[in-house]
Protein backbone atom coordinates (compact mmCIF):
# COMPACT_ATOMS: atom_id res chain seq x y z
CA UNK A 1 -18.40 -40.02 7.15
CA UNK A 2 -16.47 -43.55 7.02
CA UNK A 3 -13.32 -41.27 5.89
CA UNK A 4 -14.18 -39.36 9.13
CA UNK A 5 -14.36 -43.11 10.99
CA UNK A 6 -11.24 -44.31 9.09
CA UNK A 7 -9.01 -41.47 10.24
CA UNK A 8 -10.55 -41.04 13.54
CA UNK A 9 -12.28 -37.73 13.79
CA UNK A 10 -15.36 -39.85 14.53
CA UNK A 11 -16.15 -43.35 16.63
CA UNK A 12 -19.00 -45.61 15.75
CA UNK A 13 -20.38 -47.33 19.33
CA UNK A 14 -21.39 -50.68 19.84
CA UNK A 15 -25.61 -49.17 19.71
CA UNK A 16 -24.07 -47.68 16.61
CA UNK A 17 -23.96 -43.83 17.60
CA UNK A 18 -21.23 -41.82 16.23
CA UNK A 19 -19.08 -39.86 18.84
CA UNK A 20 -16.13 -37.76 18.39
CA UNK A 21 -12.80 -39.81 18.29
CA UNK A 22 -9.09 -38.91 19.72
CA UNK A 23 -8.12 -37.67 16.49
CA UNK A 24 -10.56 -34.49 17.04
CA UNK A 25 -8.85 -34.01 20.48
CA UNK A 26 -4.98 -33.65 18.13
CA UNK A 27 -7.15 -31.45 15.85
CA UNK A 28 -7.83 -28.98 18.78
CA UNK A 29 -4.68 -28.81 20.34
CA UNK A 30 -2.90 -27.67 17.16
CA UNK A 31 -5.81 -25.07 16.49
CA UNK A 32 -4.91 -23.81 20.97
CA UNK A 33 -1.72 -23.69 19.69
CA UNK A 34 -1.82 -21.51 16.95
CA UNK A 35 -4.13 -19.47 18.96
CA UNK A 36 -1.96 -18.65 21.85
CA UNK A 37 0.82 -18.43 18.76
CA UNK A 38 -1.15 -15.18 17.55
CA UNK A 39 -1.92 -13.67 21.14
CA UNK A 40 1.91 -13.82 21.65
CA UNK A 41 2.40 -12.30 18.62
CA UNK A 42 0.39 -9.73 19.05
CA UNK A 43 1.97 -9.33 22.61
CA UNK A 44 5.25 -9.12 21.10
CA UNK A 45 4.57 -6.42 18.85
CA UNK A 46 2.82 -4.65 22.26
CA UNK A 47 6.25 -4.76 23.80
CA UNK A 48 7.80 -3.47 20.32
CA UNK A 49 5.81 -0.18 20.77
CA UNK A 50 6.40 -0.20 24.39
CA UNK A 51 10.39 -0.45 23.99
CA UNK A 52 10.40 1.72 20.99
CA UNK A 53 7.75 4.63 22.07
CA UNK A 54 7.03 4.55 18.11
CA UNK A 55 3.87 2.44 16.07
CA UNK A 56 4.08 -1.64 15.60
CA UNK A 57 3.23 -3.09 13.40
CA UNK A 58 2.70 -7.32 12.27
CA UNK A 59 1.82 -7.99 8.97
CA UNK A 60 1.22 -11.31 6.98
CA UNK A 61 1.89 -13.13 3.95
CA UNK A 62 -1.58 -14.09 2.74
CA UNK A 63 -2.32 -17.02 0.28
CA UNK A 64 -3.79 -13.82 -2.80
CA UNK A 65 0.12 -12.43 -2.55
CA UNK A 66 -0.47 -9.47 -0.09
CA UNK A 67 1.41 -8.67 2.29
CA UNK A 68 -1.59 -7.92 4.86
CA UNK A 69 -1.31 -5.60 8.19
CA UNK A 70 -2.50 -7.56 10.93
CA UNK A 71 -1.40 -5.89 14.06
CA UNK A 72 -0.80 -2.25 14.85
CA UNK A 73 -0.21 -0.69 18.28
CA UNK A 74 0.27 3.23 18.36
CA UNK A 75 3.73 4.35 20.27
CA UNK A 76 3.65 6.65 22.90
CA UNK A 77 4.99 9.74 21.12
CA UNK A 78 2.72 12.77 21.46
CA UNK A 79 3.66 13.27 17.76
CA UNK A 80 2.52 9.82 15.84
CA UNK A 81 2.17 8.21 12.40
CA UNK A 82 -1.40 8.61 10.86
CA UNK A 83 -3.06 6.68 8.17
CA UNK A 84 -2.05 2.86 8.91
CA UNK A 85 -5.24 0.29 10.20
CA UNK A 86 -5.39 -3.38 9.82
CA UNK A 87 -6.03 -4.73 6.67
CA UNK A 88 -3.45 -2.35 4.67
CA UNK A 89 -2.05 -3.88 1.88
CA UNK A 90 -0.63 -3.44 -1.23
CA UNK A 91 2.15 -1.70 -2.96
CA UNK A 92 4.49 -4.35 -1.25
CA UNK A 93 7.51 -3.25 -3.22
CA UNK A 94 7.43 0.56 -1.22
CA UNK A 95 6.09 -0.57 2.06
CA UNK A 96 9.08 -1.96 4.79
CA UNK A 97 7.13 -4.84 5.41
CA UNK A 98 6.62 -6.03 1.93
CA UNK A 99 9.49 -5.56 0.93
CA UNK A 100 11.16 -7.38 4.18
CA UNK A 101 8.63 -10.57 2.88
CA UNK A 102 9.84 -10.16 -1.16
CA UNK A 103 12.99 -10.26 -0.49
CA UNK A 104 12.61 -14.34 0.40
CA UNK A 105 10.49 -14.82 -2.00
CA UNK A 106 11.07 -16.79 -5.52
CA UNK A 107 11.34 -14.52 -8.50
CA UNK A 108 8.50 -15.55 -10.14
CA UNK A 109 6.34 -14.44 -6.52
CA UNK A 110 8.57 -11.40 -6.80
CA UNK A 111 7.50 -10.31 -10.37
CA UNK A 112 3.54 -11.35 -9.34
CA UNK A 113 3.16 -9.10 -6.69
CA UNK A 114 5.10 -6.27 -7.74
CA UNK A 115 3.08 -6.13 -11.06
CA UNK A 116 0.15 -5.90 -9.63
CA UNK A 117 0.51 -2.31 -8.67
CA UNK A 118 2.95 -0.85 -11.40
CA UNK A 119 0.12 -0.64 -14.41
CA UNK A 120 0.64 2.56 -14.54
CA UNK A 121 4.08 2.49 -15.82
CA UNK A 122 5.96 1.37 -19.73
CA UNK A 123 7.23 -2.04 -19.86
CA UNK A 124 10.91 -0.53 -19.81
CA UNK A 125 9.97 1.79 -16.55
CA UNK A 126 8.36 -1.79 -15.13
CA UNK A 127 11.38 -3.76 -16.17
CA UNK A 128 14.19 -0.94 -14.87
CA UNK A 129 12.05 -0.80 -11.32
CA UNK A 130 11.99 -4.63 -11.06
CA UNK A 131 16.19 -4.94 -11.49
CA UNK A 132 16.47 -1.91 -8.83
CA UNK A 133 14.47 -4.07 -6.41
CA UNK A 134 16.53 -7.26 -6.96
CA UNK A 135 19.54 -5.01 -6.15
CA UNK A 136 17.20 -4.27 -2.81
CA UNK A 137 16.51 -7.40 -1.73
CA UNK A 138 20.19 -8.33 -2.24
CA UNK A 139 20.90 -5.81 0.67
CA UNK A 140 17.61 -6.76 2.34
CA UNK A 141 18.90 -10.33 2.67
CA UNK A 142 22.35 -9.51 4.00
CA UNK A 143 21.41 -7.08 6.14
CA UNK A 144 17.64 -8.30 7.74
CA UNK A 145 15.68 -5.65 7.17
CA UNK A 146 13.99 -3.57 4.90
CA UNK A 147 13.27 0.18 5.51
CA UNK A 148 10.62 2.69 3.48
CA UNK A 149 11.36 6.05 3.53
CA UNK A 150 8.74 6.57 0.16
CA UNK A 151 5.38 5.27 1.24
CA UNK A 152 4.78 9.26 2.96
CA UNK A 153 6.29 12.71 3.25
CA UNK A 154 8.76 12.82 6.50
CA UNK A 155 7.42 8.81 7.40
CA UNK A 156 9.69 6.54 7.61
CA UNK A 157 9.51 2.77 8.39
CA UNK A 158 11.46 -0.27 9.20
CA UNK A 159 10.49 -4.37 8.82
CA UNK A 160 12.22 -7.62 9.30
CA UNK A 161 11.16 -10.50 8.55
CA UNK A 162 9.47 -13.12 10.39
CA UNK A 163 10.01 -17.19 9.05
CA UNK A 164 7.72 -20.12 10.03
CA UNK A 165 8.63 -23.98 10.79
CA UNK A 166 9.37 -24.67 7.14
CA UNK A 167 11.71 -22.11 6.52
CA UNK A 168 8.92 -20.08 4.93
CA UNK A 169 8.44 -16.12 4.84
CA UNK A 170 5.27 -15.93 7.13
CA UNK A 171 5.60 -12.08 7.40
CA UNK A 172 7.30 -9.24 8.75
CA UNK A 173 7.03 -7.03 12.15
CA UNK A 174 8.39 -3.30 12.10
CA UNK A 175 7.64 0.40 13.67
CA UNK A 176 6.82 3.12 11.88
CA UNK A 177 7.75 6.87 13.05
CA UNK A 178 8.14 10.46 11.95
CA UNK A 179 11.81 10.36 9.79
CA UNK A 180 13.45 12.62 11.88
CA UNK A 181 13.27 10.28 14.83
CA UNK A 182 14.16 7.52 13.45
CA UNK A 183 17.25 8.60 12.21
CA UNK A 184 18.57 10.06 15.61
CA UNK A 185 17.98 6.13 16.59
CA UNK A 186 18.46 4.65 14.08
CA UNK A 187 20.88 1.95 15.37
CA UNK A 188 18.81 1.22 18.13
CA UNK A 189 15.52 0.86 16.24
CA UNK A 190 16.82 -1.28 14.13
CA UNK A 191 18.62 -3.61 16.88
CA UNK A 192 14.90 -3.62 17.93
CA UNK A 193 13.20 -4.96 14.75
CA UNK A 194 15.74 -7.37 14.52
CA UNK A 195 15.17 -8.72 18.10
CA UNK A 196 11.44 -8.96 17.34
CA UNK A 197 11.39 -10.69 14.42
CA UNK A 198 14.02 -13.28 16.08
CA UNK A 199 11.54 -13.67 18.37
CA UNK A 200 8.60 -13.73 16.60
CA UNK A 201 10.64 -16.55 14.53
CA UNK A 202 10.98 -18.41 17.59
CA UNK A 203 7.49 -18.26 18.82
CA UNK A 204 6.21 -20.06 14.90
CA UNK A 205 9.08 -22.46 15.04
CA UNK A 206 8.40 -23.64 18.76
C-alpha cells in the first residue's frame, strides 16, 4: 500500500481512507490507447481483405518466441483458403508472417525460434537450412516483405513486418490466396501489403 501511495496510484485522505490516485488515470489512458490501437489494427486487416478480395491476417511476436495469428479476415473470392485460424503458430521459418518477423530478430532469437521446428532433421541439415534462411532474411530486409509458397500446395502468402515505437519488430500483416491469383497480380498485392504494414507501424508509433 505504501508503494502504491508513493507512486500516486492510491491517495490517503485525512480520514485515513484510501482512494484511487491521479496516476491511475494515466494507466487507464495508456490501456485505452492500447485497446484503440488493437481495434484500428483489426480495421486495417478488414480493409486489406476488402481491397485485395483475399484473406488477410495480422500476426504478432509473443514472449514465447512464436509468431501467433491474431486477426484473420476472409476474402470475398468464391475460392478461399482453408486451414487458417486465430492462434495459429509454429513453423515460422516457412510462414510469410514468421519469416517477415524472423528477418528482424537477432541471430540468437532467429536460431532459437527456427530450431524449435527442426527436430526431425540432422544437425548438418539444420545448419544448411539456417544458412539458407540467413540469405533469405537478407532479401526480406531489403525488399520489406516475405513470401510463403510451401505451407500448402497451391497456396501462397505475402507478409510484411510491423514495428513498434522502439523500432522493434512487433508482428506482420499480409494476405493468403491461391498461388494462381497472387501470381497474376503479384506487384499489386505486394504494394497493398507493404502499405498495410506502413499504416500498422504508424498506428503503433503514433
